[in-house]
mmCIF file of all heavy atoms, coordinates in Angstrom:
data_MODEL
# 
_entry.id   MODEL 
# 
loop_
_atom_site.group_PDB 
_atom_site.id 
_atom_site.type_symbol 
_atom_site.label_atom_id 
_atom_site.label_alt_id 
_atom_site.label_comp_id 
_atom_site.label_asym_id 
_atom_site.label_entity_id 
_atom_site.label_seq_id 
_atom_site.pdbx_PDB_ins_code 
_atom_site.Cartn_x 
_atom_site.Cartn_y 
_atom_site.Cartn_z 
_atom_site.occupancy 
_atom_site.B_iso_or_equiv 
_atom_site.pdbx_formal_charge 
_atom_site.auth_seq_id 
_atom_site.auth_comp_id 
_atom_site.auth_asym_id 
_atom_site.auth_atom_id 
_atom_site.pdbx_PDB_model_num 
ATOM 1   N N   . TRP A 1 1  ? 4.951  8.475   -0.353  1.00 0.00 ? 1  TRP A N   1 
ATOM 2   C CA  . TRP A 1 1  ? 5.143  7.064   -0.731  1.00 0.00 ? 1  TRP A CA  1 
ATOM 3   C C   . TRP A 1 1  ? 3.807  6.425   -1.091  1.00 0.00 ? 1  TRP A C   1 
ATOM 4   O O   . TRP A 1 1  ? 3.674  5.789   -2.117  1.00 0.00 ? 1  TRP A O   1 
ATOM 5   C CB  . TRP A 1 1  ? 5.797  6.293   0.420   1.00 0.00 ? 1  TRP A CB  1 
ATOM 6   C CG  . TRP A 1 1  ? 5.437  4.847   0.404   1.00 0.00 ? 1  TRP A CG  1 
ATOM 7   C CD1 . TRP A 1 1  ? 5.921  3.898   -0.455  1.00 0.00 ? 1  TRP A CD1 1 
ATOM 8   C CD2 . TRP A 1 1  ? 4.471  4.186   1.221   1.00 0.00 ? 1  TRP A CD2 1 
ATOM 9   N NE1 . TRP A 1 1  ? 5.323  2.683   -0.199  1.00 0.00 ? 1  TRP A NE1 1 
ATOM 10  C CE2 . TRP A 1 1  ? 4.430  2.837   0.837   1.00 0.00 ? 1  TRP A CE2 1 
ATOM 11  C CE3 . TRP A 1 1  ? 3.642  4.610   2.269   1.00 0.00 ? 1  TRP A CE3 1 
ATOM 12  C CZ2 . TRP A 1 1  ? 3.596  1.906   1.441   1.00 0.00 ? 1  TRP A CZ2 1 
ATOM 13  C CZ3 . TRP A 1 1  ? 2.822  3.685   2.875   1.00 0.00 ? 1  TRP A CZ3 1 
ATOM 14  C CH2 . TRP A 1 1  ? 2.801  2.362   2.455   1.00 0.00 ? 1  TRP A CH2 1 
ATOM 15  N N   . ARG A 1 2  ? 2.813  6.618   -0.218  1.00 0.00 ? 2  ARG A N   1 
ATOM 16  C CA  . ARG A 1 2  ? 1.534  5.922   -0.412  1.00 0.00 ? 2  ARG A CA  1 
ATOM 17  C C   . ARG A 1 2  ? 0.802  6.393   -1.667  1.00 0.00 ? 2  ARG A C   1 
ATOM 18  O O   . ARG A 1 2  ? 0.065  5.636   -2.286  1.00 0.00 ? 2  ARG A O   1 
ATOM 19  C CB  . ARG A 1 2  ? 0.640  6.099   0.827   1.00 0.00 ? 2  ARG A CB  1 
ATOM 20  C CG  . ARG A 1 2  ? -0.610 5.242   0.799   1.00 0.00 ? 2  ARG A CG  1 
ATOM 21  C CD  . ARG A 1 2  ? -0.244 3.760   0.675   1.00 0.00 ? 2  ARG A CD  1 
ATOM 22  N NE  . ARG A 1 2  ? -1.421 2.909   0.612   1.00 0.00 ? 2  ARG A NE  1 
ATOM 23  C CZ  . ARG A 1 2  ? -2.024 2.545   -0.514  1.00 0.00 ? 2  ARG A CZ  1 
ATOM 24  N NH1 . ARG A 1 2  ? -1.592 2.960   -1.679  1.00 0.00 ? 2  ARG A NH1 1 
ATOM 25  N NH2 . ARG A 1 2  ? -3.073 1.747   -0.483  1.00 0.00 ? 2  ARG A NH2 1 
ATOM 26  N N   . SER A 1 3  ? 1.012  7.643   -2.066  1.00 0.00 ? 3  SER A N   1 
ATOM 27  C CA  . SER A 1 3  ? 0.326  8.156   -3.259  1.00 0.00 ? 3  SER A CA  1 
ATOM 28  C C   . SER A 1 3  ? 1.191  8.073   -4.517  1.00 0.00 ? 3  SER A C   1 
ATOM 29  O O   . SER A 1 3  ? 0.744  8.454   -5.591  1.00 0.00 ? 3  SER A O   1 
ATOM 30  C CB  . SER A 1 3  ? -0.137 9.591   -3.024  1.00 0.00 ? 3  SER A CB  1 
ATOM 31  O OG  . SER A 1 3  ? 0.975  10.440  -2.803  1.00 0.00 ? 3  SER A OG  1 
ATOM 32  N N   . ASP A 1 4  ? 2.408  7.561   -4.391  1.00 0.00 ? 4  ASP A N   1 
ATOM 33  C CA  . ASP A 1 4  ? 3.291  7.405   -5.546  1.00 0.00 ? 4  ASP A CA  1 
ATOM 34  C C   . ASP A 1 4  ? 2.629  6.451   -6.545  1.00 0.00 ? 4  ASP A C   1 
ATOM 35  O O   . ASP A 1 4  ? 2.267  5.328   -6.190  1.00 0.00 ? 4  ASP A O   1 
ATOM 36  C CB  . ASP A 1 4  ? 4.632  6.829   -5.084  1.00 0.00 ? 4  ASP A CB  1 
ATOM 37  C CG  . ASP A 1 4  ? 5.653  6.693   -6.198  1.00 0.00 ? 4  ASP A CG  1 
ATOM 38  O OD1 . ASP A 1 4  ? 5.281  6.350   -7.341  1.00 0.00 ? 4  ASP A OD1 1 
ATOM 39  O OD2 . ASP A 1 4  ? 6.838  6.927   -5.914  1.00 0.00 ? 4  ASP A OD2 1 
ATOM 40  N N   . PRO A 1 5  ? 2.437  6.874   -7.799  1.00 0.00 ? 5  PRO A N   1 
ATOM 41  C CA  . PRO A 1 5  ? 1.782  6.013   -8.784  1.00 0.00 ? 5  PRO A CA  1 
ATOM 42  C C   . PRO A 1 5  ? 2.454  4.644   -8.941  1.00 0.00 ? 5  PRO A C   1 
ATOM 43  O O   . PRO A 1 5  ? 1.776  3.643   -9.164  1.00 0.00 ? 5  PRO A O   1 
ATOM 44  C CB  . PRO A 1 5  ? 1.870  6.820   -10.079 1.00 0.00 ? 5  PRO A CB  1 
ATOM 45  C CG  . PRO A 1 5  ? 1.984  8.240   -9.633  1.00 0.00 ? 5  PRO A CG  1 
ATOM 46  C CD  . PRO A 1 5  ? 2.757  8.200   -8.345  1.00 0.00 ? 5  PRO A CD  1 
ATOM 47  N N   . ALA A 1 6  ? 3.769  4.589   -8.784  1.00 0.00 ? 6  ALA A N   1 
ATOM 48  C CA  . ALA A 1 6  ? 4.466  3.310   -8.880  1.00 0.00 ? 6  ALA A CA  1 
ATOM 49  C C   . ALA A 1 6  ? 4.043  2.385   -7.742  1.00 0.00 ? 6  ALA A C   1 
ATOM 50  O O   . ALA A 1 6  ? 3.855  1.186   -7.944  1.00 0.00 ? 6  ALA A O   1 
ATOM 51  C CB  . ALA A 1 6  ? 5.977  3.520   -8.867  1.00 0.00 ? 6  ALA A CB  1 
ATOM 52  N N   . TYR A 1 7  ? 3.878  2.956   -6.532  1.00 0.00 ? 7  TYR A N   1 
ATOM 53  C CA  . TYR A 1 7  ? 3.447  2.102   -5.415  1.00 0.00 ? 7  TYR A CA  1 
ATOM 54  C C   . TYR A 1 7  ? 1.981  1.700   -5.578  1.00 0.00 ? 7  TYR A C   1 
ATOM 55  O O   . TYR A 1 7  ? 1.623  0.565   -5.279  1.00 0.00 ? 7  TYR A O   1 
ATOM 56  C CB  . TYR A 1 7  ? 3.658  2.762   -4.053  1.00 0.00 ? 7  TYR A CB  1 
ATOM 57  C CG  . TYR A 1 7  ? 3.200  1.804   -2.976  1.00 0.00 ? 7  TYR A CG  1 
ATOM 58  C CD1 . TYR A 1 7  ? 3.953  0.679   -2.672  1.00 0.00 ? 7  TYR A CD1 1 
ATOM 59  C CD2 . TYR A 1 7  ? 1.979  1.968   -2.340  1.00 0.00 ? 7  TYR A CD2 1 
ATOM 60  C CE1 . TYR A 1 7  ? 3.510  -0.251  -1.746  1.00 0.00 ? 7  TYR A CE1 1 
ATOM 61  C CE2 . TYR A 1 7  ? 1.528  1.048   -1.407  1.00 0.00 ? 7  TYR A CE2 1 
ATOM 62  C CZ  . TYR A 1 7  ? 2.299  -0.061  -1.110  1.00 0.00 ? 7  TYR A CZ  1 
ATOM 63  O OH  . TYR A 1 7  ? 1.855  -0.983  -0.210  1.00 0.00 ? 7  TYR A OH  1 
ATOM 64  N N   . VAL A 1 8  ? 1.152  2.595   -6.041  1.00 0.00 ? 8  VAL A N   1 
ATOM 65  C CA  . VAL A 1 8  ? -0.261 2.263   -6.251  1.00 0.00 ? 8  VAL A CA  1 
ATOM 66  C C   . VAL A 1 8  ? -0.368 1.051   -7.176  1.00 0.00 ? 8  VAL A C   1 
ATOM 67  O O   . VAL A 1 8  ? -1.152 0.129   -6.934  1.00 0.00 ? 8  VAL A O   1 
ATOM 68  C CB  . VAL A 1 8  ? -1.039 3.480   -6.808  1.00 0.00 ? 8  VAL A CB  1 
ATOM 69  C CG1 . VAL A 1 8  ? -2.438 3.092   -7.242  1.00 0.00 ? 8  VAL A CG1 1 
ATOM 70  C CG2 . VAL A 1 8  ? -1.085 4.597   -5.769  1.00 0.00 ? 8  VAL A CG2 1 
ATOM 71  N N   . GLN A 1 9  ? 0.459  1.028   -8.195  1.00 0.00 ? 9  GLN A N   1 
ATOM 72  C CA  . GLN A 1 9  ? 0.475  -0.087  -9.137  1.00 0.00 ? 9  GLN A CA  1 
ATOM 73  C C   . GLN A 1 9  ? 0.958  -1.377  -8.462  1.00 0.00 ? 9  GLN A C   1 
ATOM 74  O O   . GLN A 1 9  ? 0.366  -2.447  -8.639  1.00 0.00 ? 9  GLN A O   1 
ATOM 75  C CB  . GLN A 1 9  ? 1.394  0.272   -10.307 1.00 0.00 ? 9  GLN A CB  1 
ATOM 76  C CG  . GLN A 1 9  ? 1.068  -0.377  -11.591 1.00 0.00 ? 9  GLN A CG  1 
ATOM 77  C CD  . GLN A 1 9  ? 1.900  0.229   -12.725 1.00 0.00 ? 9  GLN A CD  1 
ATOM 78  O OE1 . GLN A 1 9  ? 2.953  0.829   -12.522 1.00 0.00 ? 9  GLN A OE1 1 
ATOM 79  N NE2 . GLN A 1 9  ? 1.425  0.064   -13.933 1.00 0.00 ? 9  GLN A NE2 1 
ATOM 80  N N   . VAL A 1 10 ? 2.022  -1.287  -7.681  1.00 0.00 ? 10 VAL A N   1 
ATOM 81  C CA  . VAL A 1 10 ? 2.566  -2.456  -6.985  1.00 0.00 ? 10 VAL A CA  1 
ATOM 82  C C   . VAL A 1 10 ? 1.583  -2.948  -5.928  1.00 0.00 ? 10 VAL A C   1 
ATOM 83  O O   . VAL A 1 10 ? 1.418  -4.159  -5.724  1.00 0.00 ? 10 VAL A O   1 
ATOM 84  C CB  . VAL A 1 10 ? 3.937  -2.120  -6.350  1.00 0.00 ? 10 VAL A CB  1 
ATOM 85  C CG1 . VAL A 1 10 ? 4.397  -3.205  -5.397  1.00 0.00 ? 10 VAL A CG1 1 
ATOM 86  C CG2 . VAL A 1 10 ? 4.969  -1.904  -7.437  1.00 0.00 ? 10 VAL A CG2 1 
ATOM 87  N N   . ARG A 1 11 ? 0.918  -2.031  -5.273  1.00 0.00 ? 11 ARG A N   1 
ATOM 88  C CA  . ARG A 1 11 ? -0.049 -2.415  -4.234  1.00 0.00 ? 11 ARG A CA  1 
ATOM 89  C C   . ARG A 1 11 ? -1.169 -3.269  -4.829  1.00 0.00 ? 11 ARG A C   1 
ATOM 90  O O   . ARG A 1 11 ? -1.646 -4.210  -4.201  1.00 0.00 ? 11 ARG A O   1 
ATOM 91  C CB  . ARG A 1 11 ? -0.618 -1.165  -3.556  1.00 0.00 ? 11 ARG A CB  1 
ATOM 92  C CG  . ARG A 1 11 ? -1.665 -1.408  -2.509  1.00 0.00 ? 11 ARG A CG  1 
ATOM 93  C CD  . ARG A 1 11 ? -1.113 -2.218  -1.317  1.00 0.00 ? 11 ARG A CD  1 
ATOM 94  N NE  . ARG A 1 11 ? -2.142 -2.381  -0.314  1.00 0.00 ? 11 ARG A NE  1 
ATOM 95  C CZ  . ARG A 1 11 ? -2.216 -1.665  0.791   1.00 0.00 ? 11 ARG A CZ  1 
ATOM 96  N NH1 . ARG A 1 11 ? -1.303 -0.752  1.063   1.00 0.00 ? 11 ARG A NH1 1 
ATOM 97  N NH2 . ARG A 1 11 ? -3.190 -1.872  1.638   1.00 0.00 ? 11 ARG A NH2 1 
ATOM 98  N N   . ALA A 1 12 ? -1.581 -2.952  -6.046  1.00 0.00 ? 12 ALA A N   1 
ATOM 99  C CA  . ALA A 1 12 ? -2.608 -3.748  -6.713  1.00 0.00 ? 12 ALA A CA  1 
ATOM 100 C C   . ALA A 1 12 ? -2.138 -5.196  -6.878  1.00 0.00 ? 12 ALA A C   1 
ATOM 101 O O   . ALA A 1 12 ? -2.928 -6.133  -6.742  1.00 0.00 ? 12 ALA A O   1 
ATOM 102 C CB  . ALA A 1 12 ? -2.964 -3.133  -8.063  1.00 0.00 ? 12 ALA A CB  1 
ATOM 103 N N   . ILE A 1 13 ? -0.860 -5.381  -7.131  1.00 0.00 ? 13 ILE A N   1 
ATOM 104 C CA  . ILE A 1 13 ? -0.300 -6.731  -7.201  1.00 0.00 ? 13 ILE A CA  1 
ATOM 105 C C   . ILE A 1 13 ? -0.351 -7.384  -5.829  1.00 0.00 ? 13 ILE A C   1 
ATOM 106 O O   . ILE A 1 13 ? -0.763 -8.534  -5.688  1.00 0.00 ? 13 ILE A O   1 
ATOM 107 C CB  . ILE A 1 13 ? 1.155  -6.693  -7.744  1.00 0.00 ? 13 ILE A CB  1 
ATOM 108 C CG1 . ILE A 1 13 ? 1.164  -6.205  -9.188  1.00 0.00 ? 13 ILE A CG1 1 
ATOM 109 C CG2 . ILE A 1 13 ? 1.821  -8.065  -7.601  1.00 0.00 ? 13 ILE A CG2 1 
ATOM 110 C CD1 . ILE A 1 13 ? 2.545  -5.867  -9.720  1.00 0.00 ? 13 ILE A CD1 1 
ATOM 111 N N   . GLY A 1 14 ? 0.052  -6.642  -4.805  1.00 0.00 ? 14 GLY A N   1 
ATOM 112 C CA  . GLY A 1 14 ? 0.034  -7.175  -3.443  1.00 0.00 ? 14 GLY A CA  1 
ATOM 113 C C   . GLY A 1 14 ? -1.352 -7.597  -3.007  1.00 0.00 ? 14 GLY A C   1 
ATOM 114 O O   . GLY A 1 14 ? -1.511 -8.590  -2.284  1.00 0.00 ? 14 GLY A O   1 
ATOM 115 N N   . GLU A 1 15 ? -2.373 -6.868  -3.461  1.00 0.00 ? 15 GLU A N   1 
ATOM 116 C CA  . GLU A 1 15 ? -3.748 -7.181  -3.060  1.00 0.00 ? 15 GLU A CA  1 
ATOM 117 C C   . GLU A 1 15 ? -4.265 -8.473  -3.684  1.00 0.00 ? 15 GLU A C   1 
ATOM 118 O O   . GLU A 1 15 ? -5.286 -9.000  -3.241  1.00 0.00 ? 15 GLU A O   1 
ATOM 119 C CB  . GLU A 1 15 ? -4.653 -5.993  -3.370  1.00 0.00 ? 15 GLU A CB  1 
ATOM 120 C CG  . GLU A 1 15 ? -4.374 -4.847  -2.415  1.00 0.00 ? 15 GLU A CG  1 
ATOM 121 C CD  . GLU A 1 15 ? -5.106 -3.560  -2.739  1.00 0.00 ? 15 GLU A CD  1 
ATOM 122 O OE1 . GLU A 1 15 ? -5.793 -3.490  -3.784  1.00 0.00 ? 15 GLU A OE1 1 
ATOM 123 O OE2 . GLU A 1 15 ? -4.975 -2.614  -1.948  1.00 0.00 ? 15 GLU A OE2 1 
ATOM 124 N N   . LYS A 1 16 ? -3.545 -9.010  -4.663  1.00 0.00 ? 16 LYS A N   1 
ATOM 125 C CA  . LYS A 1 16 ? -3.892 -10.336 -5.187  1.00 0.00 ? 16 LYS A CA  1 
ATOM 126 C C   . LYS A 1 16 ? -3.517 -11.414 -4.172  1.00 0.00 ? 16 LYS A C   1 
ATOM 127 O O   . LYS A 1 16 ? -4.091 -12.496 -4.180  1.00 0.00 ? 16 LYS A O   1 
ATOM 128 C CB  . LYS A 1 16 ? -3.155 -10.620 -6.505  1.00 0.00 ? 16 LYS A CB  1 
ATOM 129 C CG  . LYS A 1 16 ? -3.589 -9.749  -7.660  1.00 0.00 ? 16 LYS A CG  1 
ATOM 130 C CD  . LYS A 1 16 ? -3.019 -10.187 -9.001  1.00 0.00 ? 16 LYS A CD  1 
ATOM 131 C CE  . LYS A 1 16 ? -1.548 -10.503 -8.995  1.00 0.00 ? 16 LYS A CE  1 
ATOM 132 N NZ  . LYS A 1 16 ? -0.993 -10.738 -10.344 1.00 0.00 ? 16 LYS A NZ  1 
ATOM 133 N N   . TYR A 1 17 ? -2.541 -11.113 -3.314  1.00 0.00 ? 17 TYR A N   1 
ATOM 134 C CA  . TYR A 1 17 ? -1.985 -12.098 -2.400  1.00 0.00 ? 17 TYR A CA  1 
ATOM 135 C C   . TYR A 1 17 ? -2.252 -11.811 -0.924  1.00 0.00 ? 17 TYR A C   1 
ATOM 136 O O   . TYR A 1 17 ? -1.948 -12.651 -0.078  1.00 0.00 ? 17 TYR A O   1 
ATOM 137 C CB  . TYR A 1 17 ? -0.476 -12.195 -2.605  1.00 0.00 ? 17 TYR A CB  1 
ATOM 138 C CG  . TYR A 1 17 ? -0.109 -12.468 -4.031  1.00 0.00 ? 17 TYR A CG  1 
ATOM 139 C CD1 . TYR A 1 17 ? 0.547  -11.525 -4.806  1.00 0.00 ? 17 TYR A CD1 1 
ATOM 140 C CD2 . TYR A 1 17 ? -0.444 -13.681 -4.637  1.00 0.00 ? 17 TYR A CD2 1 
ATOM 141 C CE1 . TYR A 1 17 ? 0.872  -11.772 -6.126  1.00 0.00 ? 17 TYR A CE1 1 
ATOM 142 C CE2 . TYR A 1 17 ? -0.132 -13.940 -5.960  1.00 0.00 ? 17 TYR A CE2 1 
ATOM 143 C CZ  . TYR A 1 17 ? 0.526  -12.987 -6.696  1.00 0.00 ? 17 TYR A CZ  1 
ATOM 144 O OH  . TYR A 1 17 ? 0.837  -13.239 -8.015  1.00 0.00 ? 17 TYR A OH  1 
ATOM 145 N N   . ALA A 1 18 ? -2.806 -10.658 -0.620  1.00 0.00 ? 18 ALA A N   1 
ATOM 146 C CA  . ALA A 1 18 ? -2.959 -10.291 0.788   1.00 0.00 ? 18 ALA A CA  1 
ATOM 147 C C   . ALA A 1 18 ? -4.060 -9.243  0.974   1.00 0.00 ? 18 ALA A C   1 
ATOM 148 O O   . ALA A 1 18 ? -4.411 -8.531  0.038   1.00 0.00 ? 18 ALA A O   1 
ATOM 149 C CB  . ALA A 1 18 ? -1.635 -9.730  1.313   1.00 0.00 ? 18 ALA A CB  1 
ATOM 150 N N   . THR A 1 19 ? -4.558 -9.165  2.201   1.00 0.00 ? 19 THR A N   1 
ATOM 151 C CA  . THR A 1 19 ? -5.443 -8.065  2.589   1.00 0.00 ? 19 THR A CA  1 
ATOM 152 C C   . THR A 1 19 ? -4.692 -7.240  3.634   1.00 0.00 ? 19 THR A C   1 
ATOM 153 O O   . THR A 1 19 ? -3.954 -7.793  4.461   1.00 0.00 ? 19 THR A O   1 
ATOM 154 C CB  . THR A 1 19 ? -6.787 -8.570  3.151   1.00 0.00 ? 19 THR A CB  1 
ATOM 155 O OG1 . THR A 1 19 ? -6.533 -9.453  4.233   1.00 0.00 ? 19 THR A OG1 1 
ATOM 156 C CG2 . THR A 1 19 ? -7.596 -9.275  2.089   1.00 0.00 ? 19 THR A CG2 1 
ATOM 157 N N   . TYR A 1 20 ? -4.893 -5.944  3.574   1.00 0.00 ? 20 TYR A N   1 
ATOM 158 C CA  . TYR A 1 20 ? -4.107 -5.016  4.383   1.00 0.00 ? 20 TYR A CA  1 
ATOM 159 C C   . TYR A 1 20 ? -4.990 -4.207  5.330   1.00 0.00 ? 20 TYR A C   1 
ATOM 160 O O   . TYR A 1 20 ? -6.094 -3.822  4.977   1.00 0.00 ? 20 TYR A O   1 
ATOM 161 C CB  . TYR A 1 20 ? -3.389 -4.003  3.474   1.00 0.00 ? 20 TYR A CB  1 
ATOM 162 C CG  . TYR A 1 20 ? -2.422 -4.613  2.504   1.00 0.00 ? 20 TYR A CG  1 
ATOM 163 C CD1 . TYR A 1 20 ? -2.855 -5.154  1.300   1.00 0.00 ? 20 TYR A CD1 1 
ATOM 164 C CD2 . TYR A 1 20 ? -1.072 -4.636  2.792   1.00 0.00 ? 20 TYR A CD2 1 
ATOM 165 C CE1 . TYR A 1 20 ? -1.959 -5.706  0.402   1.00 0.00 ? 20 TYR A CE1 1 
ATOM 166 C CE2 . TYR A 1 20 ? -0.174 -5.183  1.885   1.00 0.00 ? 20 TYR A CE2 1 
ATOM 167 C CZ  . TYR A 1 20 ? -0.617 -5.721  0.697   1.00 0.00 ? 20 TYR A CZ  1 
ATOM 168 O OH  . TYR A 1 20 ? 0.267  -6.259  -0.186  1.00 0.00 ? 20 TYR A OH  1 
ATOM 169 N N   . ARG A 1 21 ? -4.437 -3.922  6.470   1.00 0.00 ? 21 ARG A N   1 
ATOM 170 C CA  . ARG A 1 21 ? -4.976 -2.906  7.378   1.00 0.00 ? 21 ARG A CA  1 
ATOM 171 C C   . ARG A 1 21 ? -3.762 -2.113  7.832   1.00 0.00 ? 21 ARG A C   1 
ATOM 172 O O   . ARG A 1 21 ? -2.915 -2.617  8.575   1.00 0.00 ? 21 ARG A O   1 
ATOM 173 C CB  . ARG A 1 21 ? -5.676 -3.526  8.576   1.00 0.00 ? 21 ARG A CB  1 
ATOM 174 C CG  . ARG A 1 21 ? -6.227 -2.473  9.518   1.00 0.00 ? 21 ARG A CG  1 
ATOM 175 C CD  . ARG A 1 21 ? -7.108 -3.089  10.605  1.00 0.00 ? 21 ARG A CD  1 
ATOM 176 N NE  . ARG A 1 21 ? -7.621 -2.053  11.449  1.00 0.00 ? 21 ARG A NE  1 
ATOM 177 C CZ  . ARG A 1 21 ? -7.206 -1.826  12.689  1.00 0.00 ? 21 ARG A CZ  1 
ATOM 178 N NH1 . ARG A 1 21 ? -6.276 -2.603  13.228  1.00 0.00 ? 21 ARG A NH1 1 
ATOM 179 N NH2 . ARG A 1 21 ? -7.709 -0.845  13.397  1.00 0.00 ? 21 ARG A NH2 1 
ATOM 180 N N   . THR A 1 22 ? -3.626 -0.901  7.320   1.00 0.00 ? 22 THR A N   1 
ATOM 181 C CA  . THR A 1 22 ? -2.454 -0.091  7.643   1.00 0.00 ? 22 THR A CA  1 
ATOM 182 C C   . THR A 1 22 ? -2.891 1.236   8.234   1.00 0.00 ? 22 THR A C   1 
ATOM 183 O O   . THR A 1 22 ? -3.968 1.748   7.936   1.00 0.00 ? 22 THR A O   1 
ATOM 184 C CB  . THR A 1 22 ? -1.585 0.167   6.401   1.00 0.00 ? 22 THR A CB  1 
ATOM 185 O OG1 . THR A 1 22 ? -2.366 0.837   5.414   1.00 0.00 ? 22 THR A OG1 1 
ATOM 186 C CG2 . THR A 1 22 ? -1.034 -1.121  5.814   1.00 0.00 ? 22 THR A CG2 1 
ATOM 187 N N   . PHE A 1 23 ? -2.035 1.770   9.081   1.00 0.00 ? 23 PHE A N   1 
ATOM 188 C CA  . PHE A 1 23 ? -2.278 3.085   9.663   1.00 0.00 ? 23 PHE A CA  1 
ATOM 189 C C   . PHE A 1 23 ? -0.940 3.711   10.023  1.00 0.00 ? 23 PHE A C   1 
ATOM 190 O O   . PHE A 1 23 ? 0.075  3.017   10.064  1.00 0.00 ? 23 PHE A O   1 
ATOM 191 C CB  . PHE A 1 23 ? -3.222 3.011   10.869  1.00 0.00 ? 23 PHE A CB  1 
ATOM 192 C CG  . PHE A 1 23 ? -2.847 1.961   11.879  1.00 0.00 ? 23 PHE A CG  1 
ATOM 193 C CD1 . PHE A 1 23 ? -2.086 2.278   12.995  1.00 0.00 ? 23 PHE A CD1 1 
ATOM 194 C CD2 . PHE A 1 23 ? -3.268 0.648   11.717  1.00 0.00 ? 23 PHE A CD2 1 
ATOM 195 C CE1 . PHE A 1 23 ? -1.750 1.308   13.915  1.00 0.00 ? 23 PHE A CE1 1 
ATOM 196 C CE2 . PHE A 1 23 ? -2.928 -0.330  12.637  1.00 0.00 ? 23 PHE A CE2 1 
ATOM 197 C CZ  . PHE A 1 23 ? -2.164 -0.001  13.739  1.00 0.00 ? 23 PHE A CZ  1 
ATOM 198 N N   . ALA A 1 24 ? -0.957 5.011   10.235  1.00 0.00 ? 24 ALA A N   1 
ATOM 199 C CA  . ALA A 1 24 ? 0.287  5.735   10.513  1.00 0.00 ? 24 ALA A CA  1 
ATOM 200 C C   . ALA A 1 24 ? 0.130  6.573   11.773  1.00 0.00 ? 24 ALA A C   1 
ATOM 201 O O   . ALA A 1 24 ? -0.961 7.074   12.064  1.00 0.00 ? 24 ALA A O   1 
ATOM 202 C CB  . ALA A 1 24 ? 0.649  6.642   9.334   1.00 0.00 ? 24 ALA A CB  1 
ATOM 203 N N   . VAL A 1 25 ? 1.238  6.712   12.484  1.00 0.00 ? 25 VAL A N   1 
ATOM 204 C CA  . VAL A 1 25 ? 1.293  7.572   13.672  1.00 0.00 ? 25 VAL A CA  1 
ATOM 205 C C   . VAL A 1 25 ? 2.597  8.361   13.623  1.00 0.00 ? 25 VAL A C   1 
ATOM 206 O O   . VAL A 1 25 ? 3.588  7.881   13.073  1.00 0.00 ? 25 VAL A O   1 
ATOM 207 C CB  . VAL A 1 25 ? 1.214  6.783   14.991  1.00 0.00 ? 25 VAL A CB  1 
ATOM 208 C CG1 . VAL A 1 25 ? -0.132 6.081   15.137  1.00 0.00 ? 25 VAL A CG1 1 
ATOM 209 C CG2 . VAL A 1 25 ? 2.338  5.780   15.122  1.00 0.00 ? 25 VAL A CG2 1 
ATOM 210 N N   . GLU A 1 26 ? 2.558  9.557   14.196  1.00 0.00 ? 26 GLU A N   1 
ATOM 211 C CA  . GLU A 1 26 ? 3.788  10.335  14.313  1.00 0.00 ? 26 GLU A CA  1 
ATOM 212 C C   . GLU A 1 26 ? 4.508  9.915   15.580  1.00 0.00 ? 26 GLU A C   1 
ATOM 213 O O   . GLU A 1 26 ? 3.878  9.545   16.581  1.00 0.00 ? 26 GLU A O   1 
ATOM 214 C CB  . GLU A 1 26 ? 3.483  11.832  14.360  1.00 0.00 ? 26 GLU A CB  1 
ATOM 215 C CG  . GLU A 1 26 ? 3.045  12.371  13.027  1.00 0.00 ? 26 GLU A CG  1 
ATOM 216 C CD  . GLU A 1 26 ? 2.875  13.883  13.023  1.00 0.00 ? 26 GLU A CD  1 
ATOM 217 O OE1 . GLU A 1 26 ? 2.505  14.441  14.075  1.00 0.00 ? 26 GLU A OE1 1 
ATOM 218 O OE2 . GLU A 1 26 ? 3.115  14.484  11.980  1.00 0.00 ? 26 GLU A OE2 1 
ATOM 219 N N   . GLY A 1 27 ? 5.828  9.958   15.530  1.00 0.00 ? 27 GLY A N   1 
ATOM 220 C CA  . GLY A 1 27 ? 6.627  9.633   16.696  1.00 0.00 ? 27 GLY A CA  1 
ATOM 221 C C   . GLY A 1 27 ? 6.460  10.671  17.782  1.00 0.00 ? 27 GLY A C   1 
ATOM 222 O O   . GLY A 1 27 ? 6.094  11.815  17.526  1.00 0.00 ? 27 GLY A O   1 
# 
């Protein structure tokens, strides 16, 4: 998901409106 080119493009839009700190953990 995170490396999907479509999401990379959408994320650039999101970064106009927000700053992110994301991380992942396994259950």
